[in-house]
Amino acid sequence: MTKVIRATEAESGSEFNVVAQAARTAAVAAARARVTLHEVEDMPELRRVSRLFESVWGRTPEGVPVNSEVLRSLVHAGGCTTAAFDHTGELVGAAALVLAAPAGTTYSLLAAVSPGASDQGIGRAVKLRQRAWALERGHTSMLWTFDPLVGRNARFNLVRLGAVAAEYAVAFYGEMADRINGADEADRLVARWTLGSRRAIAASEGTAAETFGPTQTSHTLAEAPDGRPLVREDDTGRWVRVPTDIVVLRRTDPRVGEQWRTAVRRALVDAFGRSLVATHLTRDGWYLLEKENRA
């Protein structure tokens, strides 16, 4: 029998079957992306997943991002590797998840979509499948890290999934050497996804409200490396802007890319120190930071 838990979005204390809701929205997302989703644990399929991760991040002096033997061990330890296959059986997306502390928490290590298959909803389908998998086993939250300067990923995490971020990890990976991160210090935001929250449910249903950026009455607190406002504030909250495409900028002008990383680091660390939480990223690259609503 499907487990029914009390979700934080339930009204008037009524029970809400968030487990069934998660399974349904994951299935809908998979259908829209035209993929089949399932967890994999056999070595041949895990090798395919490892090769997919390599195709996205490339090789470093330490090798592939994660090899198949490690993936097998993570599954054996209670985690899972979720894979997305197209109608031909081609692997087009994957994510690896492990259990974390405290109890009820999971940690998503890697999530990737095959090059050339982006903008098809595959990544969202994989993450929603992870959410369903976790809730089915009684887990209530998921953590992962992401580059604060990559607006596309930030918007996906905060808006499309309904996670929030309230922790800035300076040089989390030190200096990386893959094709995406360049050679700058690899700062990270820590995403926290409360799997049964109003935010997560609304995002999974596609009903989350859009936010459109600073108002005309907002005032500038700091300027960005391009001379335009970096930090603004109004009645909605504090706003921090990121560059249009930091991946290209790191490749074409690493010095300016580093300036952006330093400026955004300073702005977000200051905001988190004021007990603000990143809840949204607008289409034109503005983080919204506000007091957190745990619902």
Foldseek 3Di string as FASTA:
>chain_A
DQDWDAFPPDPPRDTDRLLVLLVVLLVVLLVQLQWDKDWDQDQVVLQLVQVQQCQVWNADPVGTPDHSVVLNVQVVQPWTKMFIAHPVRRTFWIWTKHDDPDPLEIEIEDIDGHPPSPPSSPRVSRVSVNLSVSVSVPRFKYKYKDQLQALVVVQCQQQLQPWKFLDKAWLVVPADPTLQRHGARRIITMTMHGSRHPRRSCSSVVNDDADADDDPPWDADDAAPVRHGQWIADPQAIKGFHDPHLRVCCVPPVVSSNSRVVVRSVVSVVLSVVQWMFRHAHPRGITGTHHDDRD
